Amino acid sequence: MTKQEIIEKVNTLLVEEFEIAEQLLTPEASLKQDLEIDSLDFVDIVVLIDREFGFKPQATELKTVKTLGEFYDYIEAHI
């Protein structure tokens, strides 16, 4: 899977599952401040990553991911 495919799939999930406006989905966007993803949302994100990308992220690793760009990189490094 290419980086662009990861970006497209993640963005689609964020728009469809969390109703985040597509124009907010930039690599520099802060997951917590800009996209308003809270701790309960991260639980859902773990399930979605497992379903869509075939691996279960560790909560301790996800805590270090601050921006959407870092989130794309995290997924790319684990698939």
N, C-alpha and C. Protein backbone atom coordinates (compact mmCIF):
# COMPACT_ATOMS: atom_id res chain seq x y z
N MET A 1 0.85 -1.18 0.00
CA MET A 1 0.00 0.00 0.00
C MET A 1 0.90 1.24 0.00
N THR A 2 0.59 2.16 -0.88
CA THR A 2 1.40 3.37 -0.97
C THR A 2 0.99 4.37 0.13
N LYS A 3 1.85 5.34 0.34
CA LYS A 3 1.55 6.39 1.32
C LYS A 3 0.28 7.14 0.93
N GLN A 4 0.10 7.40 -0.35
CA GLN A 4 -1.10 8.11 -0.82
C GLN A 4 -2.35 7.29 -0.54
N GLU A 5 -2.28 5.98 -0.71
CA GLU A 5 -3.42 5.11 -0.41
C GLU A 5 -3.74 5.14 1.08
N ILE A 6 -2.71 5.17 1.92
CA ILE A 6 -2.90 5.26 3.37
C ILE A 6 -3.59 6.57 3.71
N ILE A 7 -3.10 7.66 3.14
CA ILE A 7 -3.68 8.99 3.40
C ILE A 7 -5.16 9.01 3.00
N GLU A 8 -5.46 8.50 1.83
CA GLU A 8 -6.84 8.51 1.35
C GLU A 8 -7.75 7.66 2.24
N LYS A 9 -7.26 6.49 2.65
CA LYS A 9 -8.07 5.61 3.49
C LYS A 9 -8.29 6.22 4.87
N VAL A 10 -7.25 6.77 5.47
CA VAL A 10 -7.37 7.40 6.79
C VAL A 10 -8.32 8.59 6.72
N ASN A 11 -8.16 9.43 5.71
CA ASN A 11 -9.03 10.60 5.56
C ASN A 11 -10.49 10.18 5.40
N THR A 12 -10.73 9.16 4.61
CA THR A 12 -12.10 8.67 4.42
C THR A 12 -12.68 8.18 5.74
N LEU A 13 -11.88 7.45 6.52
CA LEU A 13 -12.35 6.97 7.82
C LEU A 13 -12.68 8.13 8.76
N LEU A 14 -11.82 9.14 8.77
CA LEU A 14 -12.05 10.28 9.66
C LEU A 14 -13.30 11.05 9.27
N VAL A 15 -13.53 11.19 7.98
CA VAL A 15 -14.72 11.91 7.51
C VAL A 15 -15.98 11.09 7.81
N GLU A 16 -15.94 9.80 7.49
CA GLU A 16 -17.13 8.97 7.62
C GLU A 16 -17.44 8.58 9.07
N GLU A 17 -16.42 8.20 9.82
CA GLU A 17 -16.65 7.69 11.17
C GLU A 17 -16.72 8.78 12.24
N PHE A 18 -15.98 9.87 12.03
CA PHE A 18 -15.90 10.90 13.06
C PHE A 18 -16.47 12.25 12.61
N GLU A 19 -16.99 12.27 11.38
CA GLU A 19 -17.63 13.46 10.83
C GLU A 19 -16.73 14.70 10.89
N ILE A 20 -15.45 14.48 10.57
CA ILE A 20 -14.49 15.59 10.52
C ILE A 20 -14.53 16.19 9.12
N ALA A 21 -14.57 17.49 9.05
CA ALA A 21 -14.61 18.18 7.76
C ALA A 21 -13.33 17.90 6.98
N GLU A 22 -13.49 17.54 5.72
CA GLU A 22 -12.35 17.15 4.89
C GLU A 22 -11.30 18.24 4.77
N GLN A 23 -11.71 19.51 4.76
CA GLN A 23 -10.73 20.60 4.62
C GLN A 23 -9.81 20.72 5.84
N LEU A 24 -10.18 20.10 6.96
CA LEU A 24 -9.32 20.12 8.15
C LEU A 24 -8.21 19.07 8.10
N LEU A 25 -8.32 18.13 7.17
CA LEU A 25 -7.40 17.00 7.12
C LEU A 25 -6.13 17.34 6.37
N THR A 26 -5.22 18.02 7.08
CA THR A 26 -3.91 18.35 6.54
C THR A 26 -2.85 17.65 7.40
N PRO A 27 -1.68 17.38 6.85
CA PRO A 27 -0.64 16.71 7.64
C PRO A 27 -0.26 17.46 8.92
N GLU A 28 -0.41 18.79 8.91
CA GLU A 28 -0.03 19.59 10.08
C GLU A 28 -1.11 19.63 11.15
N ALA A 29 -2.30 19.13 10.85
CA ALA A 29 -3.43 19.21 11.79
C ALA A 29 -3.14 18.40 13.06
N SER A 30 -3.35 19.05 14.19
CA SER A 30 -3.21 18.38 15.48
C SER A 30 -4.43 17.48 15.68
N LEU A 31 -4.17 16.23 16.07
CA LEU A 31 -5.28 15.29 16.25
C LEU A 31 -6.22 15.76 17.35
N LYS A 32 -5.66 16.25 18.44
CA LYS A 32 -6.50 16.64 19.58
C LYS A 32 -7.09 18.03 19.43
N GLN A 33 -6.27 19.02 19.10
CA GLN A 33 -6.76 20.39 19.05
C GLN A 33 -7.55 20.68 17.76
N ASP A 34 -6.96 20.39 16.62
CA ASP A 34 -7.58 20.76 15.35
C ASP A 34 -8.72 19.81 14.95
N LEU A 35 -8.50 18.51 15.15
CA LEU A 35 -9.50 17.53 14.73
C LEU A 35 -10.42 17.10 15.87
N GLU A 36 -10.11 17.54 17.08
CA GLU A 36 -10.92 17.27 18.27
C GLU A 36 -11.15 15.78 18.51
N ILE A 37 -10.09 15.00 18.32
CA ILE A 37 -10.16 13.57 18.60
C ILE A 37 -9.79 13.39 20.07
N ASP A 38 -10.71 12.79 20.83
CA ASP A 38 -10.47 12.60 22.26
C ASP A 38 -10.08 11.15 22.56
N SER A 39 -9.89 10.85 23.83
CA SER A 39 -9.41 9.52 24.22
C SER A 39 -10.40 8.42 23.82
N LEU A 40 -11.69 8.68 23.89
CA LEU A 40 -12.66 7.68 23.47
C LEU A 40 -12.59 7.45 21.96
N ASP A 41 -12.35 8.50 21.21
CA ASP A 41 -12.18 8.35 19.76
C ASP A 41 -10.98 7.49 19.44
N PHE A 42 -9.91 7.61 20.23
CA PHE A 42 -8.72 6.81 19.98
C PHE A 42 -9.00 5.33 20.13
N VAL A 43 -9.90 4.96 21.03
CA VAL A 43 -10.30 3.56 21.17
C VAL A 43 -10.93 3.08 19.86
N ASP A 44 -11.81 3.89 19.30
CA ASP A 44 -12.43 3.54 18.02
C ASP A 44 -11.40 3.50 16.90
N ILE A 45 -10.43 4.41 16.94
CA ILE A 45 -9.39 4.44 15.92
C ILE A 45 -8.56 3.16 15.94
N VAL A 46 -8.26 2.64 17.13
CA VAL A 46 -7.51 1.39 17.23
C VAL A 46 -8.27 0.26 16.52
N VAL A 47 -9.58 0.19 16.75
CA VAL A 47 -10.40 -0.83 16.11
C VAL A 47 -10.40 -0.65 14.59
N LEU A 48 -10.54 0.60 14.14
CA LEU A 48 -10.55 0.87 12.70
C LEU A 48 -9.22 0.54 12.04
N ILE A 49 -8.12 0.87 12.71
CA ILE A 49 -6.80 0.55 12.15
C ILE A 49 -6.64 -0.96 12.02
N ASP A 50 -7.05 -1.68 13.06
CA ASP A 50 -6.96 -3.14 13.03
C ASP A 50 -7.78 -3.69 11.86
N ARG A 51 -8.98 -3.18 11.68
CA ARG A 51 -9.87 -3.67 10.62
C ARG A 51 -9.35 -3.29 9.22
N GLU A 52 -8.92 -2.05 9.06
CA GLU A 52 -8.56 -1.55 7.73
C GLU A 52 -7.12 -1.86 7.32
N PHE A 53 -6.20 -1.90 8.30
CA PHE A 53 -4.79 -2.06 7.95
C PHE A 53 -4.17 -3.35 8.48
N GLY A 54 -4.91 -4.10 9.30
CA GLY A 54 -4.44 -5.42 9.71
C GLY A 54 -3.43 -5.45 10.84
N PHE A 55 -3.35 -4.41 11.64
CA PHE A 55 -2.50 -4.46 12.83
C PHE A 55 -3.17 -3.67 13.94
N LYS A 56 -2.86 -4.07 15.18
CA LYS A 56 -3.46 -3.39 16.33
C LYS A 56 -2.42 -2.47 16.96
N PRO A 57 -2.64 -1.17 16.86
CA PRO A 57 -1.68 -0.22 17.43
C PRO A 57 -1.65 -0.29 18.96
N GLN A 58 -0.51 -0.01 19.50
CA GLN A 58 -0.35 0.05 20.95
C GLN A 58 -0.71 1.44 21.44
N ALA A 59 -1.48 1.52 22.51
CA ALA A 59 -1.90 2.81 23.05
C ALA A 59 -0.70 3.68 23.40
N THR A 60 0.34 3.08 23.95
CA THR A 60 1.52 3.86 24.33
C THR A 60 2.19 4.48 23.11
N GLU A 61 2.18 3.78 21.99
CA GLU A 61 2.76 4.33 20.76
C GLU A 61 1.88 5.45 20.20
N LEU A 62 0.57 5.27 20.24
CA LEU A 62 -0.33 6.28 19.70
C LEU A 62 -0.27 7.59 20.49
N LYS A 63 0.10 7.51 21.76
CA LYS A 63 0.20 8.73 22.57
C LYS A 63 1.27 9.67 22.05
N THR A 64 2.25 9.14 21.33
CA THR A 64 3.33 9.97 20.81
C THR A 64 2.96 10.63 19.48
N VAL A 65 1.87 10.18 18.87
CA VAL A 65 1.43 10.71 17.58
C VAL A 65 0.60 11.97 17.84
N LYS A 66 1.09 13.10 17.37
CA LYS A 66 0.43 14.39 17.66
C LYS A 66 -0.30 14.98 16.47
N THR A 67 0.22 14.76 15.26
CA THR A 67 -0.38 15.37 14.07
C THR A 67 -0.90 14.28 13.13
N LEU A 68 -1.72 14.69 12.19
CA LEU A 68 -2.24 13.76 11.21
C LEU A 68 -1.11 13.20 10.35
N GLY A 69 -0.13 14.03 10.02
CA GLY A 69 1.03 13.56 9.25
C GLY A 69 1.78 12.47 9.99
N GLU A 70 1.97 12.63 11.29
CA GLU A 70 2.62 11.60 12.10
C GLU A 70 1.78 10.33 12.14
N PHE A 71 0.47 10.48 12.13
CA PHE A 71 -0.44 9.34 12.13
C PHE A 71 -0.29 8.54 10.83
N TYR A 72 -0.22 9.25 9.69
CA TYR A 72 0.02 8.57 8.41
C TYR A 72 1.34 7.80 8.46
N ASP A 73 2.39 8.46 8.97
CA ASP A 73 3.72 7.83 9.05
C ASP A 73 3.69 6.61 9.96
N TYR A 74 2.97 6.71 11.07
CA TYR A 74 2.87 5.59 12.03
C TYR A 74 2.25 4.37 11.33
N ILE A 75 1.17 4.59 10.61
CA ILE A 75 0.51 3.48 9.93
C ILE A 75 1.42 2.91 8.86
N GLU A 76 2.06 3.78 8.09
CA GLU A 76 2.97 3.31 7.02
C GLU A 76 4.09 2.46 7.61
N ALA A 77 4.61 2.82 8.75
CA ALA A 77 5.72 2.07 9.36
C ALA A 77 5.29 0.71 9.90
N HIS A 78 4.01 0.52 10.12
CA HIS A 78 3.54 -0.72 10.75
C HIS A 78 2.84 -1.69 9.80
N ILE A 79 2.68 -1.30 8.54
CA ILE A 79 2.04 -2.26 7.61
C ILE A 79 3.04 -2.81 6.64
